[in-house]
Amino acid sequence: MLAEAGASEEDDWALVWTLEDLQSERVRSERAGWFGTVEREVFALDPFSGRGADTGATATERAIVLPTRPYQVLAEKRPPGFESVRKFVVGRDGRVMSVR
């Protein structure tokens, strides 16, 4: 991808991160032992994300920061999953733009 972008060594980088959010749905009391009870927290997992049960997160958001040229190549190729990633592009002047 970097070869296609004609990127220089300065543009040979990317920063990627994943933000996982875990939210409590409810707390329930359960019996523990002969006379005691304990509270169990039930967390909300998103059944429609397809990964909630796998990651243990209520919601997952991915983001990437990368230089302009590599971003342009990725935007043209549109690899699977790239549309759902929040993108930040660093221009030659050092300004960072949020791209959806």
Protein backbone atom coordinates (compact mmCIF):
# COMPACT_ATOMS: atom_id res chain seq x y z
CA MET A 1 0.00 0.00 0.00
CA LEU A 2 2.82 2.41 0.84
CA ALA A 3 4.54 1.59 -2.45
CA GLU A 4 1.34 2.42 -4.35
CA ALA A 5 1.00 5.68 -2.42
CA GLY A 6 4.52 6.71 -3.36
CA ALA A 7 4.92 7.53 0.32
CA SER A 8 8.23 8.79 1.63
CA GLU A 9 9.86 7.48 4.81
CA GLU A 10 8.17 10.31 6.68
CA ASP A 11 4.80 8.91 5.65
CA ASP A 12 5.64 5.30 6.57
CA TRP A 13 3.53 5.10 9.73
CA ALA A 14 0.02 4.72 11.12
CA LEU A 15 -1.48 4.77 14.60
CA VAL A 16 -4.43 2.43 15.18
CA TRP A 17 -6.44 1.91 18.34
CA THR A 18 -9.60 0.21 19.55
CA LEU A 19 -11.95 1.67 22.13
CA GLU A 20 -14.06 -0.89 23.98
CA ASP A 21 -16.98 0.28 26.08
CA LEU A 22 -18.53 -1.96 28.74
CA GLN A 23 -21.84 -0.88 30.26
CA SER A 24 -23.74 -2.42 33.12
CA GLU A 25 -27.26 -3.57 32.31
CA ARG A 26 -28.43 -4.51 35.82
CA VAL A 27 -27.41 -5.98 39.16
CA ARG A 28 -29.13 -9.04 40.55
CA SER A 29 -28.93 -10.77 43.92
CA GLU A 30 -28.12 -14.47 44.08
CA ARG A 31 -27.92 -16.88 46.95
CA ALA A 32 -24.45 -17.75 48.09
CA GLY A 33 -23.92 -20.40 50.72
CA TRP A 34 -26.52 -21.27 53.30
CA PHE A 35 -27.62 -17.84 54.49
CA GLY A 36 -25.93 -15.26 52.33
CA THR A 37 -26.53 -13.42 49.09
CA VAL A 38 -24.16 -11.76 46.67
CA GLU A 39 -24.74 -9.21 43.96
CA ARG A 40 -23.95 -10.20 40.38
CA GLU A 41 -23.55 -7.54 37.76
CA VAL A 42 -24.95 -8.28 34.31
CA PHE A 43 -23.31 -6.38 31.48
CA ALA A 44 -24.97 -5.29 28.25
CA LEU A 45 -23.45 -6.92 25.18
CA ASP A 46 -24.47 -5.77 21.71
CA PRO A 47 -25.93 -8.81 19.95
CA PHE A 48 -25.95 -7.01 16.60
CA SER A 49 -22.27 -6.05 16.47
CA GLY A 50 -21.34 -9.69 15.92
CA ARG A 51 -18.39 -9.40 18.30
CA GLY A 52 -19.91 -8.35 21.62
CA ALA A 53 -19.81 -11.82 23.15
CA ASP A 54 -16.31 -12.44 21.75
CA THR A 55 -14.73 -9.22 23.03
CA GLY A 56 -16.76 -8.82 26.21
CA ALA A 57 -17.58 -5.23 25.24
CA THR A 58 -20.89 -3.42 24.90
CA ALA A 59 -19.55 -1.38 21.99
CA THR A 60 -16.30 -1.34 20.02
CA GLU A 61 -14.97 1.58 17.98
CA ARG A 62 -11.80 1.48 15.90
CA ALA A 63 -9.81 4.50 14.77
CA ILE A 64 -6.70 5.25 12.73
CA VAL A 65 -4.41 8.25 12.24
CA LEU A 66 -2.32 8.24 9.06
CA PRO A 67 -0.71 10.58 6.52
CA THR A 68 -2.61 11.87 3.48
CA ARG A 69 -1.05 9.71 0.74
CA PRO A 70 -1.60 6.33 2.43
CA TYR A 71 -5.14 7.40 3.34
CA GLN A 72 -5.90 8.23 -0.29
CA VAL A 73 -4.81 4.76 -1.42
CA LEU A 74 -6.88 3.07 1.29
CA ALA A 75 -9.90 5.22 0.45
CA GLU A 76 -9.63 4.19 -3.22
CA LYS A 77 -9.16 0.47 -2.46
CA ARG A 78 -11.91 0.39 0.19
CA PRO A 79 -10.69 -2.75 2.01
CA PRO A 80 -13.27 -4.69 4.08
CA GLY A 81 -13.98 -2.99 7.40
CA PHE A 82 -12.34 0.31 6.44
CA GLU A 83 -15.67 2.15 6.18
CA SER A 84 -16.49 1.54 9.86
CA VAL A 85 -13.10 2.80 11.11
CA ARG A 86 -12.95 6.42 12.29
CA LYS A 87 -10.18 8.07 10.28
CA PHE A 88 -7.89 10.99 11.09
CA VAL A 89 -5.63 12.25 8.32
CA VAL A 90 -2.48 14.30 8.90
CA GLY A 91 -1.75 16.77 6.10
CA ARG A 92 1.65 18.08 4.99
CA ASP A 93 1.11 21.20 7.09
CA GLY A 94 0.61 19.07 10.21
CA ARG A 95 -3.12 19.68 10.49
CA VAL A 96 -5.27 16.73 11.50
CA MET A 97 -8.64 16.25 9.79
CA SER A 98 -11.38 13.88 10.91
CA VAL A 99 -12.72 11.89 7.95
CA ARG A 100 -15.84 9.73 8.14
